[in-house]
Amino acid sequence: MTAMASTAYASPGAPTRTPRASEYDAIARITARLKSAAERGDQGFAQLAAALHENRRLWLILASDVAGKENALPPNLRAQILYLAAFTEQHSRKVLANQAAADALIDVNTAVMRGLRGDAGEGA
């Protein structure tokens, strides 16, 4: 039903989006917001806090998905995603407390994007 709703107004010639592409796009958008806000320093703190909130929500969704019994990913990949979700939550708190920079979160998201794109073995 949701798939039908999201494609109802798509142009007939538009390619069908895969879940992997949708995940990539969501992570890319949030990562761009994190980078932009982090680059603004103190002036970008409100935007950084909002981007951190979005990033935490994204990782909570990813963790919830891989924790489900019906998830078909290999167990080791599911465990890694759960670890990254926990790391993201913990590190985000440090960034909000001005005890750490957002760089590690940006790096994690970028690595996941490379994996979704299929070039996880390549350099940044």
PDB file of N, CA and C in Angstrom:
ATOM      1  N   MET A   1       0.816  -1.185   0.000  1.00  0.00           N
ATOM      2  CA  MET A   1       0.000   0.000   0.000  1.00  0.00           C
ATOM      3  C   MET A   1       0.867   1.259   0.000  1.00  0.00           C
ATOM      4  N   THR A   2       1.902   1.296   0.865  1.00  0.00           N
ATOM      5  CA  THR A   2       2.773   2.451   0.928  1.00  0.00           C
ATOM      6  C   THR A   2       3.505   2.654  -0.387  1.00  0.00           C
ATOM      7  N   ALA A   3       3.953   1.561  -0.995  1.00  0.00           N
ATOM      8  CA  ALA A   3       4.656   1.660  -2.273  1.00  0.00           C
ATOM      9  C   ALA A   3       3.743   2.251  -3.330  1.00  0.00           C
ATOM     10  N   MET A   4       2.496   1.855  -3.318  1.00  0.00           N
ATOM     11  CA  MET A   4       1.550   2.399  -4.291  1.00  0.00           C
ATOM     12  C   MET A   4       1.349   3.892  -4.058  1.00  0.00           C
ATOM     13  N   ALA A   5       1.254   4.312  -2.815  1.00  0.00           N
ATOM     14  CA  ALA A   5       1.052   5.719  -2.500  1.00  0.00           C
ATOM     15  C   ALA A   5       2.254   6.551  -2.910  1.00  0.00           C
ATOM     16  N   SER A   6       3.449   6.040  -2.686  1.00  0.00           N
ATOM     17  CA  SER A   6       4.642   6.821  -3.005  1.00  0.00           C
ATOM     18  C   SER A   6       4.905   6.911  -4.498  1.00  0.00           C
ATOM     19  N   THR A   7       4.354   6.001  -5.274  1.00  0.00           N
ATOM     20  CA  THR A   7       4.587   6.031  -6.708  1.00  0.00           C
ATOM     21  C   THR A   7       3.376   6.525  -7.493  1.00  0.00           C
ATOM     22  N   ALA A   8       2.316   6.875  -6.818  1.00  0.00           N
ATOM     23  CA  ALA A   8       1.083   7.267  -7.495  1.00  0.00           C
ATOM     24  C   ALA A   8       1.285   8.458  -8.424  1.00  0.00           C
ATOM     25  N   TYR A   9       2.114   9.403  -8.020  1.00  0.00           N
ATOM     26  CA  TYR A   9       2.304  10.600  -8.822  1.00  0.00           C
ATOM     27  C   TYR A   9       3.648  10.632  -9.535  1.00  0.00           C
ATOM     28  N   ALA A  10       4.370   9.537  -9.517  1.00  0.00           N
ATOM     29  CA  ALA A  10       5.651   9.463 -10.223  1.00  0.00           C
ATOM     30  C   ALA A  10       5.398   9.448 -11.718  1.00  0.00           C
ATOM     31  N   SER A  11       6.339  10.016 -12.452  1.00  0.00           N
ATOM     32  CA  SER A  11       6.170  10.007 -13.903  1.00  0.00           C
ATOM     33  C   SER A  11       6.320   8.579 -14.411  1.00  0.00           C
ATOM     34  N   PRO A  12       5.552   8.220 -15.449  1.00  0.00           N
ATOM     35  CA  PRO A  12       5.543   6.839 -15.924  1.00  0.00           C
ATOM     36  C   PRO A  12       6.914   6.319 -16.355  1.00  0.00           C
ATOM     37  N   GLY A  13       7.784   7.186 -16.821  1.00  0.00           N
ATOM     38  CA  GLY A  13       9.096   6.752 -17.281  1.00  0.00           C
ATOM     39  C   GLY A  13      10.148   6.736 -16.192  1.00  0.00           C
ATOM     40  N   ALA A  14       9.793   7.185 -14.979  1.00  0.00           N
ATOM     41  CA  ALA A  14      10.767   7.258 -13.885  1.00  0.00           C
ATOM     42  C   ALA A  14      11.116   5.853 -13.401  1.00  0.00           C
ATOM     43  N   PRO A  15      12.405   5.606 -13.144  1.00  0.00           N
ATOM     44  CA  PRO A  15      12.802   4.285 -12.641  1.00  0.00           C
ATOM     45  C   PRO A  15      12.255   4.049 -11.239  1.00  0.00           C
ATOM     46  N   THR A  16      11.996   2.805 -10.914  1.00  0.00           N
ATOM     47  CA  THR A  16      11.514   2.440  -9.588  1.00  0.00           C
ATOM     48  C   THR A  16      12.670   2.521  -8.599  1.00  0.00           C
ATOM     49  N   ARG A  17      12.435   3.150  -7.456  1.00  0.00           N
ATOM     50  CA  ARG A  17      13.474   3.287  -6.428  1.00  0.00           C
ATOM     51  C   ARG A  17      13.552   2.010  -5.613  1.00  0.00           C
ATOM     52  N   THR A  18      14.752   1.588  -5.338  1.00  0.00           N
ATOM     53  CA  THR A  18      14.958   0.416  -4.496  1.00  0.00           C
ATOM     54  C   THR A  18      15.062   0.868  -3.043  1.00  0.00           C
ATOM     55  N   PRO A  19      14.794  -0.026  -2.106  1.00  0.00           N
ATOM     56  CA  PRO A  19      14.983   0.333  -0.693  1.00  0.00           C
ATOM     57  C   PRO A  19      16.422   0.771  -0.408  1.00  0.00           C
ATOM     58  N   ARG A  20      17.368   0.142  -1.057  1.00  0.00           N
ATOM     59  CA  ARG A  20      18.781   0.491  -0.872  1.00  0.00           C
ATOM     60  C   ARG A  20      19.049   1.928  -1.321  1.00  0.00           C
ATOM     61  N   ALA A  21      18.480   2.322  -2.463  1.00  0.00           N
ATOM     62  CA  ALA A  21      18.651   3.683  -2.960  1.00  0.00           C
ATOM     63  C   ALA A  21      17.975   4.687  -2.030  1.00  0.00           C
ATOM     64  N   SER A  22      16.831   4.325  -1.498  1.00  0.00           N
ATOM     65  CA  SER A  22      16.126   5.206  -0.561  1.00  0.00           C
ATOM     66  C   SER A  22      16.934   5.384   0.722  1.00  0.00           C
ATOM     67  N   GLU A  23      17.521   4.304   1.218  1.00  0.00           N
ATOM     68  CA  GLU A  23      18.367   4.388   2.409  1.00  0.00           C
ATOM     69  C   GLU A  23      19.574   5.281   2.129  1.00  0.00           C
ATOM     70  N   TYR A  24      20.192   5.088   0.975  1.00  0.00           N
ATOM     71  CA  TYR A  24      21.346   5.900   0.604  1.00  0.00           C
ATOM     72  C   TYR A  24      20.969   7.375   0.589  1.00  0.00           C
ATOM     73  N   ASP A  25      19.854   7.699  -0.067  1.00  0.00           N
ATOM     74  CA  ASP A  25      19.421   9.091  -0.166  1.00  0.00           C
ATOM     75  C   ASP A  25      19.150   9.700   1.204  1.00  0.00           C
ATOM     76  N   ALA A  26      18.502   8.956   2.084  1.00  0.00           N
ATOM     77  CA  ALA A  26      18.207   9.461   3.433  1.00  0.00           C
ATOM     78  C   ALA A  26      19.502   9.736   4.193  1.00  0.00           C
ATOM     79  N   ILE A  27      20.436   8.804   4.132  1.00  0.00           N
ATOM     80  CA  ILE A  27      21.710   8.990   4.833  1.00  0.00           C
ATOM     81  C   ILE A  27      22.491  10.140   4.214  1.00  0.00           C
ATOM     82  N   ALA A  28      22.470  10.254   2.902  1.00  0.00           N
ATOM     83  CA  ALA A  28      23.193  11.335   2.219  1.00  0.00           C
ATOM     84  C   ALA A  28      22.635  12.705   2.612  1.00  0.00           C
ATOM     85  N   ARG A  29      21.319  12.830   2.668  1.00  0.00           N
ATOM     86  CA  ARG A  29      20.707  14.114   3.046  1.00  0.00           C
ATOM     87  C   ARG A  29      21.097  14.506   4.470  1.00  0.00           C
ATOM     88  N   ILE A  30      21.003  13.557   5.376  1.00  0.00           N
ATOM     89  CA  ILE A  30      21.325  13.848   6.771  1.00  0.00           C
ATOM     90  C   ILE A  30      22.811  14.144   6.934  1.00  0.00           C
ATOM     91  N   THR A  31      23.650  13.410   6.238  1.00  0.00           N
ATOM     92  CA  THR A  31      25.094  13.631   6.315  1.00  0.00           C
ATOM     93  C   THR A  31      25.452  15.014   5.786  1.00  0.00           C
ATOM     94  N   ALA A  32      24.811  15.439   4.710  1.00  0.00           N
ATOM     95  CA  ALA A  32      25.053  16.779   4.167  1.00  0.00           C
ATOM     96  C   ALA A  32      24.658  17.845   5.196  1.00  0.00           C
ATOM     97  N   ARG A  33      23.565  17.624   5.901  1.00  0.00           N
ATOM     98  CA  ARG A  33      23.146  18.576   6.944  1.00  0.00           C
ATOM     99  C   ARG A  33      24.148  18.601   8.100  1.00  0.00           C
ATOM    100  N   LEU A  34      24.621  17.414   8.487  1.00  0.00           N
ATOM    101  CA  LEU A  34      25.627  17.354   9.552  1.00  0.00           C
ATOM    102  C   LEU A  34      26.886  18.115   9.151  1.00  0.00           C
ATOM    103  N   LYS A  35      27.375  17.868   7.934  1.00  0.00           N
ATOM    104  CA  LYS A  35      28.592  18.536   7.454  1.00  0.00           C
ATOM    105  C   LYS A  35      28.417  20.045   7.425  1.00  0.00           C
ATOM    106  N   SER A  36      27.316  20.490   6.837  1.00  0.00           N
ATOM    107  CA  SER A  36      27.060  21.918   6.694  1.00  0.00           C
ATOM    108  C   SER A  36      27.004  22.608   8.047  1.00  0.00           C
ATOM    109  N   ALA A  37      26.285  22.030   8.980  1.00  0.00           N
ATOM    110  CA  ALA A  37      26.161  22.625  10.308  1.00  0.00           C
ATOM    111  C   ALA A  37      27.493  22.603  11.047  1.00  0.00           C
ATOM    112  N   ALA A  38      28.225  21.504  10.953  1.00  0.00           N
ATOM    113  CA  ALA A  38      29.518  21.389  11.636  1.00  0.00           C
ATOM    114  C   ALA A  38      30.510  22.418  11.103  1.00  0.00           C
ATOM    115  N   GLU A  39      30.457  22.682   9.810  1.00  0.00           N
ATOM    116  CA  GLU A  39      31.372  23.652   9.199  1.00  0.00           C
ATOM    117  C   GLU A  39      31.091  25.077   9.671  1.00  0.00           C
ATOM    118  N   ARG A  40      29.883  25.334  10.142  1.00  0.00           N
ATOM    119  CA  ARG A  40      29.510  26.671  10.597  1.00  0.00           C
ATOM    120  C   ARG A  40      29.956  26.948  12.025  1.00  0.00           C
ATOM    121  N   GLY A  41      30.481  25.920  12.691  1.00  0.00           N
ATOM    122  CA  GLY A  41      30.975  26.111  14.057  1.00  0.00           C
ATOM    123  C   GLY A  41      29.854  26.487  15.008  1.00  0.00           C
ATOM    124  N   ASP A  42      30.163  27.410  15.930  1.00  0.00           N
ATOM    125  CA  ASP A  42      29.184  27.811  16.942  1.00  0.00           C
ATOM    126  C   ASP A  42      27.915  28.402  16.326  1.00  0.00           C
ATOM    127  N   GLN A  43      28.050  29.093  15.205  1.00  0.00           N
ATOM    128  CA  GLN A  43      26.884  29.684  14.554  1.00  0.00           C
ATOM    129  C   GLN A  43      25.936  28.627  14.003  1.00  0.00           C
ATOM    130  N   GLY A  44      26.424  27.427  13.785  1.00  0.00           N
ATOM    131  CA  GLY A  44      25.600  26.365  13.234  1.00  0.00           C
ATOM    132  C   GLY A  44      25.115  25.372  14.272  1.00  0.00           C
ATOM    133  N   PHE A  45      25.236  25.708  15.566  1.00  0.00           N
ATOM    134  CA  PHE A  45      24.901  24.726  16.590  1.00  0.00           C
ATOM    135  C   PHE A  45      23.434  24.308  16.562  1.00  0.00           C
ATOM    136  N   ALA A  46      22.536  25.239  16.348  1.00  0.00           N
ATOM    137  CA  ALA A  46      21.110  24.881  16.301  1.00  0.00           C
ATOM    138  C   ALA A  46      20.839  23.926  15.140  1.00  0.00           C
ATOM    139  N   GLN A  47      21.448  24.197  13.987  1.00  0.00           N
ATOM    140  CA  GLN A  47      21.287  23.318  12.832  1.00  0.00           C
ATOM    141  C   GLN A  47      21.959  21.972  13.082  1.00  0.00           C
ATOM    142  N   LEU A  48      23.086  21.997  13.781  1.00  0.00           N
ATOM    143  CA  LEU A  48      23.780  20.751  14.114  1.00  0.00           C
ATOM    144  C   LEU A  48      22.917  19.904  15.047  1.00  0.00           C
ATOM    145  N   ALA A  49      22.315  20.530  16.030  1.00  0.00           N
ATOM    146  CA  ALA A  49      21.447  19.788  16.958  1.00  0.00           C
ATOM    147  C   ALA A  49      20.282  19.156  16.198  1.00  0.00           C
ATOM    148  N   ALA A  50      19.710  19.894  15.261  1.00  0.00           N
ATOM    149  CA  ALA A  50      18.596  19.346  14.461  1.00  0.00           C
ATOM    150  C   ALA A  50      19.078  18.192  13.589  1.00  0.00           C
ATOM    151  N   ALA A  51      20.244  18.337  12.977  1.00  0.00           N
ATOM    152  CA  ALA A  51      20.793  17.270  12.127  1.00  0.00           C
ATOM    153  C   ALA A  51      21.152  16.039  12.971  1.00  0.00           C
ATOM    154  N   LEU A  52      21.674  16.259  14.156  1.00  0.00           N
ATOM    155  CA  LEU A  52      21.981  15.141  15.059  1.00  0.00           C
ATOM    156  C   LEU A  52      20.703  14.398  15.437  1.00  0.00           C
ATOM    157  N   HIS A  53      19.644  15.135  15.689  1.00  0.00           N
ATOM    158  CA  HIS A  53      18.360  14.507  16.017  1.00  0.00           C
ATOM    159  C   HIS A  53      17.880  13.638  14.848  1.00  0.00           C
ATOM    160  N   GLU A  54      17.954  14.177  13.643  1.00  0.00           N
ATOM    161  CA  GLU A  54      17.554  13.401  12.461  1.00  0.00           C
ATOM    162  C   GLU A  54      18.417  12.155  12.301  1.00  0.00           C
ATOM    163  N   ASN A  55      19.706  12.325  12.516  1.00  0.00           N
ATOM    164  CA  ASN A  55      20.640  11.199  12.375  1.00  0.00           C
ATOM    165  C   ASN A  55      20.345  10.119  13.409  1.00  0.00           C
ATOM    166  N   ARG A  56      20.064  10.517  14.625  1.00  0.00           N
ATOM    167  CA  ARG A  56      19.728   9.555  15.671  1.00  0.00           C
ATOM    168  C   ARG A  56      18.443   8.803  15.326  1.00  0.00           C
ATOM    169  N   ARG A  57      17.456   9.524  14.828  1.00  0.00           N
ATOM    170  CA  ARG A  57      16.191   8.882  14.421  1.00  0.00           C
ATOM    171  C   ARG A  57      16.441   7.877  13.309  1.00  0.00           C
ATOM    172  N   LEU A  58      17.272   8.260  12.333  1.00  0.00           N
ATOM    173  CA  LEU A  58      17.604   7.361  11.230  1.00  0.00           C
ATOM    174  C   LEU A  58      18.245   6.080  11.763  1.00  0.00           C
ATOM    175  N   TRP A  59      19.227   6.219  12.650  1.00  0.00           N
ATOM    176  CA  TRP A  59      19.922   5.046  13.176  1.00  0.00           C
ATOM    177  C   TRP A  59      19.017   4.199  14.070  1.00  0.00           C
ATOM    178  N   LEU A  60      18.067   4.826  14.736  1.00  0.00           N
ATOM    179  CA  LEU A  60      17.089   4.067  15.521  1.00  0.00           C
ATOM    180  C   LEU A  60      16.215   3.223  14.591  1.00  0.00           C
ATOM    181  N   ILE A  61      15.823   3.802  13.478  1.00  0.00           N
ATOM    182  CA  ILE A  61      15.026   3.061  12.487  1.00  0.00           C
ATOM    183  C   ILE A  61      15.837   1.897  11.920  1.00  0.00           C
ATOM    184  N   LEU A  62      17.089   2.158  11.566  1.00  0.00           N
ATOM    185  CA  LEU A  62      17.945   1.097  11.024  1.00  0.00           C
ATOM    186  C   LEU A  62      18.133  -0.019  12.054  1.00  0.00           C
ATOM    187  N   ALA A  63      18.378   0.357  13.309  1.00  0.00           N
ATOM    188  CA  ALA A  63      18.578  -0.642  14.361  1.00  0.00           C
ATOM    189  C   ALA A  63      17.313  -1.460  14.575  1.00  0.00           C
ATOM    190  N   SER A  64      16.184  -0.799  14.579  1.00  0.00           N
ATOM    191  CA  SER A  64      14.910  -1.508  14.755  1.00  0.00           C
ATOM    192  C   SER A  64      14.683  -2.502  13.630  1.00  0.00           C
ATOM    193  N   ASP A  65      15.027  -2.083  12.429  1.00  0.00           N
ATOM    194  CA  ASP A  65      14.842  -2.953  11.273  1.00  0.00           C
ATOM    195  C   ASP A  65      15.721  -4.197  11.346  1.00  0.00           C
ATOM    196  N   VAL A  66      16.997  -4.022  11.674  1.00  0.00           N
ATOM    197  CA  VAL A  66      17.894  -5.182  11.689  1.00  0.00           C
ATOM    198  C   VAL A  66      17.683  -6.060  12.921  1.00  0.00           C
ATOM    199  N   ALA A  67      17.029  -5.528  13.943  1.00  0.00           N
ATOM    200  CA  ALA A  67      16.770  -6.326  15.140  1.00  0.00           C
ATOM    201  C   ALA A  67      15.599  -7.291  14.938  1.00  0.00           C
ATOM    202  N   GLY A  68      14.801  -7.044  13.916  1.00  0.00           N
ATOM    203  CA  GLY A  68      13.649  -7.905  13.666  1.00  0.00           C
ATOM    204  C   GLY A  68      14.050  -9.276  13.154  1.00  0.00           C
ATOM    205  N   LYS A  69      13.302 -10.288  13.568  1.00  0.00           N
ATOM    206  CA  LYS A  69      13.593 -11.672  13.172  1.00  0.00           C
ATOM    207  C   LYS A  69      13.501 -11.873  11.665  1.00  0.00           C
ATOM    208  N   GLU A  70      12.649 -11.090  11.017  1.00  0.00           N
ATOM    209  CA  GLU A  70      12.438 -11.263   9.580  1.00  0.00           C
ATOM    210  C   GLU A  70      13.519 -10.598   8.723  1.00  0.00           C
ATOM    211  N   ASN A  71      14.435  -9.860   9.341  1.00  0.00           N
ATOM    212  CA  ASN A  71      15.489  -9.201   8.583  1.00  0.00           C
ATOM    213  C   ASN A  71      16.405 -10.252   7.961  1.00  0.00           C
ATOM    214  N   ALA A  72      16.670 -10.108   6.661  1.00  0.00           N
ATOM    215  CA  ALA A  72      17.424 -11.114   5.916  1.00  0.00           C
ATOM    216  C   ALA A  72      18.930 -10.842   5.842  1.00  0.00           C
ATOM    217  N   LEU A  73      19.405  -9.760   6.442  1.00  0.00           N
ATOM    218  CA  LEU A  73      20.839  -9.487   6.410  1.00  0.00           C
ATOM    219  C   LEU A  73      21.591 -10.544   7.218  1.00  0.00           C
ATOM    220  N   PRO A  74      22.857 -10.784   6.858  1.00  0.00           N
ATOM    221  CA  PRO A  74      23.663 -11.740   7.624  1.00  0.00           C
ATOM    222  C   PRO A  74      23.811 -11.260   9.081  1.00  0.00           C
ATOM    223  N   PRO A  75      23.856 -12.192  10.013  1.00  0.00           N
ATOM    224  CA  PRO A  75      23.947 -11.819  11.435  1.00  0.00           C
ATOM    225  C   PRO A  75      25.098 -10.872  11.766  1.00  0.00           C
ATOM    226  N   ASN A  76      26.257 -11.065  11.141  1.00  0.00           N
ATOM    227  CA  ASN A  76      27.391 -10.189  11.468  1.00  0.00           C
ATOM    228  C   ASN A  76      27.142  -8.759  10.995  1.00  0.00           C
ATOM    229  N   LEU A  77      26.491  -8.581   9.863  1.00  0.00           N
ATOM    230  CA  LEU A  77      26.174  -7.241   9.372  1.00  0.00           C
ATOM    231  C   LEU A  77      25.108  -6.593  10.259  1.00  0.00           C
ATOM    232  N   ARG A  78      24.139  -7.390  10.681  1.00  0.00           N
ATOM    233  CA  ARG A  78      23.114  -6.874  11.585  1.00  0.00           C
ATOM    234  C   ARG A  78      23.749  -6.404  12.896  1.00  0.00           C
ATOM    235  N   ALA A  79      24.695  -7.176  13.413  1.00  0.00           N
ATOM    236  CA  ALA A  79      25.382  -6.799  14.651  1.00  0.00           C
ATOM    237  C   ALA A  79      26.181  -5.504  14.458  1.00  0.00           C
ATOM    238  N   GLN A  80      26.830  -5.364  13.315  1.00  0.00           N
ATOM    239  CA  GLN A  80      27.597  -4.148  13.052  1.00  0.00           C
ATOM    240  C   GLN A  80      26.687  -2.919  12.987  1.00  0.00           C
ATOM    241  N   ILE A  81      25.531  -3.067  12.381  1.00  0.00           N
ATOM    242  CA  ILE A  81      24.591  -1.955  12.290  1.00  0.00           C
ATOM    243  C   ILE A  81      24.078  -1.588  13.684  1.00  0.00           C
ATOM    244  N   LEU A  82      23.797  -2.584  14.506  1.00  0.00           N
ATOM    245  CA  LEU A  82      23.373  -2.315  15.882  1.00  0.00           C
ATOM    246  C   LEU A  82      24.470  -1.601  16.666  1.00  0.00           C
ATOM    247  N   TYR A  83      25.714  -2.028  16.455  1.00  0.00           N
ATOM    248  CA  TYR A  83      26.839  -1.357  17.117  1.00  0.00           C
ATOM    249  C   TYR A  83      26.941   0.098  16.667  1.00  0.00           C
ATOM    250  N   LEU A  84      26.824   0.338  15.364  1.00  0.00           N
ATOM    251  CA  LEU A  84      26.916   1.704  14.841  1.00  0.00           C
ATOM    252  C   LEU A  84      25.772   2.572  15.352  1.00  0.00           C
ATOM    253  N   ALA A  85      24.595   1.994  15.510  1.00  0.00           N
ATOM    254  CA  ALA A  85      23.461   2.743  16.057  1.00  0.00           C
ATOM    255  C   ALA A  85      23.747   3.159  17.503  1.00  0.00           C
ATOM    256  N   ALA A  86      24.308   2.242  18.281  1.00  0.00           N
ATOM    257  CA  ALA A  86      24.647   2.559  19.674  1.00  0.00           C
ATOM    258  C   ALA A  86      25.755   3.616  19.731  1.00  0.00           C
ATOM    259  N   PHE A  87      26.749   3.472  18.867  1.00  0.00           N
ATOM    260  CA  PHE A  87      27.832   4.455  18.800  1.00  0.00           C
ATOM    261  C   PHE A  87      27.278   5.831  18.438  1.00  0.00           C
ATOM    262  N   THR A  88      26.391   5.875  17.451  1.00  0.00           N
ATOM    263  CA  THR A  88      25.802   7.138  17.007  1.00  0.00           C
ATOM    264  C   THR A  88      25.057   7.820  18.147  1.00  0.00           C
ATOM    265  N   GLU A  89      24.299   7.050  18.889  1.00  0.00           N
ATOM    266  CA  GLU A  89      23.553   7.613  20.035  1.00  0.00           C
ATOM    267  C   GLU A  89      24.517   8.193  21.066  1.00  0.00           C
ATOM    268  N   GLN A  90      25.524   7.421  21.422  1.00  0.00           N
ATOM    269  CA  GLN A  90      26.486   7.852  22.440  1.00  0.00           C
ATOM    270  C   GLN A  90      27.301   9.063  21.968  1.00  0.00           C
ATOM    271  N   HIS A  91      27.802   9.009  20.739  1.00  0.00           N
ATOM    272  CA  HIS A  91      28.649  10.098  20.241  1.00  0.00           C
ATOM    273  C   HIS A  91      27.833  11.373  20.026  1.00  0.00           C
ATOM    274  N   SER A  92      26.583  11.230  19.633  1.00  0.00           N
ATOM    275  CA  SER A  92      25.722  12.409  19.446  1.00  0.00           C
ATOM    276  C   SER A  92      25.570  13.172  20.759  1.00  0.00           C
ATOM    277  N   ARG A  93      25.426  12.441  21.865  1.00  0.00           N
ATOM    278  CA  ARG A  93      25.334  13.086  23.176  1.00  0.00           C
ATOM    279  C   ARG A  93      26.592  13.896  23.474  1.00  0.00           C
ATOM    280  N   LYS A  94      27.744  13.339  23.116  1.00  0.00           N
ATOM    281  CA  LYS A  94      29.012  14.047  23.340  1.00  0.00           C
ATOM    282  C   LYS A  94      29.100  15.307  22.478  1.00  0.00           C
ATOM    283  N   VAL A  95      28.633  15.215  21.238  1.00  0.00           N
ATOM    284  CA  VAL A  95      28.656  16.385  20.354  1.00  0.00           C
ATOM    285  C   VAL A  95      27.744  17.469  20.921  1.00  0.00           C
ATOM    286  N   LEU A  96      26.558  17.089  21.363  1.00  0.00           N
ATOM    287  CA  LEU A  96      25.624  18.059  21.930  1.00  0.00           C
ATOM    288  C   LEU A  96      26.153  18.699  23.209  1.00  0.00           C
ATOM    289  N   ALA A  97      26.965  17.950  23.957  1.00  0.00           N
ATOM    290  CA  ALA A  97      27.573  18.472  25.180  1.00  0.00           C
ATOM    291  C   ALA A  97      28.876  19.219  24.889  1.00  0.00           C
ATOM    292  N   ASN A  98      29.193  19.387  23.624  1.00  0.00           N
ATOM    293  CA  ASN A  98      30.409  20.069  23.174  1.00  0.00           C
ATOM    294  C   ASN A  98      31.671  19.365  23.675  1.00  0.00           C
ATOM    295  N   GLN A  99      31.597  18.019  23.769  1.00  0.00           N
ATOM    296  CA  GLN A  99      32.737  17.215  24.205  1.00  0.00           C
ATOM    297  C   GLN A  99      33.374  16.457  23.042  1.00  0.00           C
ATOM    298  N   ALA A 100      32.790  16.564  21.852  1.00  0.00           N
ATOM    299  CA  ALA A 100      33.316  15.876  20.673  1.00  0.00           C
ATOM    300  C   ALA A 100      32.808  16.589  19.430  1.00  0.00           C
ATOM    301  N   ALA A 101      33.479  16.316  18.316  1.00  0.00           N
ATOM    302  CA  ALA A 101      33.065  16.880  17.030  1.00  0.00           C
ATOM    303  C   ALA A 101      32.171  15.879  16.304  1.00  0.00           C
ATOM    304  N   ALA A 102      31.454  16.349  15.330  1.00  0.00           N
ATOM    305  CA  ALA A 102      30.542  15.506  14.554  1.00  0.00           C
ATOM    306  C   ALA A 102      31.267  14.679  13.498  1.00  0.00           C
ATOM    307  N   ASP A 103      32.565  14.873  13.335  1.00  0.00           N
ATOM    308  CA  ASP A 103      33.325  14.200  12.272  1.00  0.00           C
ATOM    309  C   ASP A 103      33.160  12.685  12.260  1.00  0.00           C
ATOM    310  N   ALA A 104      33.188  12.067  13.437  1.00  0.00           N
ATOM    311  CA  ALA A 104      33.066  10.602  13.494  1.00  0.00           C
ATOM    312  C   ALA A 104      31.711  10.139  12.974  1.00  0.00           C
ATOM    313  N   LEU A 105      30.658  10.897  13.272  1.00  0.00           N
ATOM    314  CA  LEU A 105      29.323  10.546  12.786  1.00  0.00           C
ATOM    315  C   LEU A 105      29.244  10.700  11.266  1.00  0.00           C
ATOM    316  N   ILE A 106      29.862  11.740  10.767  1.00  0.00           N
ATOM    317  CA  ILE A 106      29.904  11.965   9.319  1.00  0.00           C
ATOM    318  C   ILE A 106      30.674  10.831   8.650  1.00  0.00           C
ATOM    319  N   ASP A 107      31.783  10.423   9.263  1.00  0.00           N
ATOM    320  CA  ASP A 107      32.580   9.317   8.718  1.00  0.00           C
ATOM    321  C   ASP A 107      31.797   8.010   8.698  1.00  0.00           C
ATOM    322  N   VAL A 108      31.065   7.721   9.776  1.00  0.00           N
ATOM    323  CA  VAL A 108      30.262   6.496   9.838  1.00  0.00           C
ATOM    324  C   VAL A 108      29.214   6.514   8.722  1.00  0.00           C
ATOM    325  N   ASN A 109      28.491   7.621   8.607  1.00  0.00           N
ATOM    326  CA  ASN A 109      27.461   7.708   7.574  1.00  0.00           C
ATOM    327  C   ASN A 109      28.058   7.570   6.176  1.00  0.00           C
ATOM    328  N   THR A 110      29.202   8.202   5.957  1.00  0.00           N
ATOM    329  CA  THR A 110      29.850   8.133   4.647  1.00  0.00           C
ATOM    330  C   THR A 110      30.272   6.699   4.327  1.00  0.00           C
ATOM    331  N   ALA A 111      30.791   5.991   5.316  1.00  0.00           N
ATOM    332  CA  ALA A 111      31.179   4.590   5.096  1.00  0.00           C
ATOM    333  C   ALA A 111      29.956   3.731   4.767  1.00  0.00           C
ATOM    334  N   VAL A 112      28.858   3.967   5.451  1.00  0.00           N
ATOM    335  CA  VAL A 112      27.635   3.214   5.168  1.00  0.00           C
ATOM    336  C   VAL A 112      27.131   3.545   3.760  1.00  0.00           C
ATOM    337  N   MET A 113      27.216   4.794   3.374  1.00  0.00           N
ATOM    338  CA  MET A 113      26.808   5.181   2.017  1.00  0.00           C
ATOM    339  C   MET A 113      27.662   4.469   0.971  1.00  0.00           C
ATOM    340  N   ARG A 114      28.973   4.383   1.220  1.00  0.00           N
ATOM    341  CA  ARG A 114      29.843   3.654   0.281  1.00  0.00           C
ATOM    342  C   ARG A 114      29.419   2.206   0.188  1.00  0.00           C
ATOM    343  N   GLY A 115      29.087   1.604   1.329  1.00  0.00           N
ATOM    344  CA  GLY A 115      28.628   0.212   1.332  1.00  0.00           C
ATOM    345  C   GLY A 115      27.328   0.044   0.564  1.00  0.00           C
ATOM    346  N   LEU A 116      26.407   0.964   0.751  1.00  0.00           N
ATOM    347  CA  LEU A 116      25.134   0.889   0.022  1.00  0.00           C
ATOM    348  C   LEU A 116      25.341   1.070  -1.474  1.00  0.00           C
ATOM    349  N   ARG A 117      26.341   1.864  -1.830  1.00  0.00           N
ATOM    350  CA  ARG A 117      26.644   2.116  -3.236  1.00  0.00           C
ATOM    351  C   ARG A 117      27.429   0.957  -3.836  1.00  0.00           C
ATOM    352  N   GLY A 118      28.012   0.128  -2.970  1.00  0.00           N
ATOM    353  CA  GLY A 118      28.745  -1.035  -3.464  1.00  0.00           C
ATOM    354  C   GLY A 118      30.232  -0.829  -3.596  1.00  0.00           C
ATOM    355  N   ASP A 119      30.743   0.264  -3.065  1.00  0.00           N
ATOM    356  CA  ASP A 119      32.190   0.506  -3.167  1.00  0.00           C
ATOM    357  C   ASP A 119      32.817   0.657  -1.781  1.00  0.00           C
ATOM    358  N   ALA A 120      32.411  -0.215  -0.860  1.00  0.00           N
ATOM    359  CA  ALA A 120      32.905  -0.160   0.520  1.00  0.00           C
ATOM    360  C   ALA A 120      34.402  -0.346   0.619  1.00  0.00           C
ATOM    361  N   GLY A 121      35.029  -1.017  -0.321  1.00  0.00           N
ATOM    362  CA  GLY A 121      36.463  -1.267  -0.255  1.00  0.00           C
ATOM    363  C   GLY A 121      37.305  -0.135  -0.764  1.00  0.00           C
ATOM    364  N   GLU A 122      36.673   0.891  -1.364  1.00  0.00           N
ATOM    365  CA  GLU A 122      37.436   2.004  -1.920  1.00  0.00           C
ATOM    366  C   GLU A 122      37.686   3.055  -0.875  1.00  0.00           C
ATOM    367  N   GLY A 123      38.676   3.894  -1.100  1.00  0.00           N
ATOM    368  CA  GLY A 123      38.973   4.991  -0.184  1.00  0.00           C
ATOM    369  C   GLY A 123      37.936   6.084  -0.284  1.00  0.00           C
ATOM    370  N   ALA A 124      37.993   7.027   0.652  1.00  0.00           N
ATOM    371  CA  ALA A 124      37.003   8.114   0.697  1.00  0.00           C
ATOM    372  C   ALA A 124      37.092   9.047  -0.450  1.00  0.00           C
TER     373      ALA A 124
END
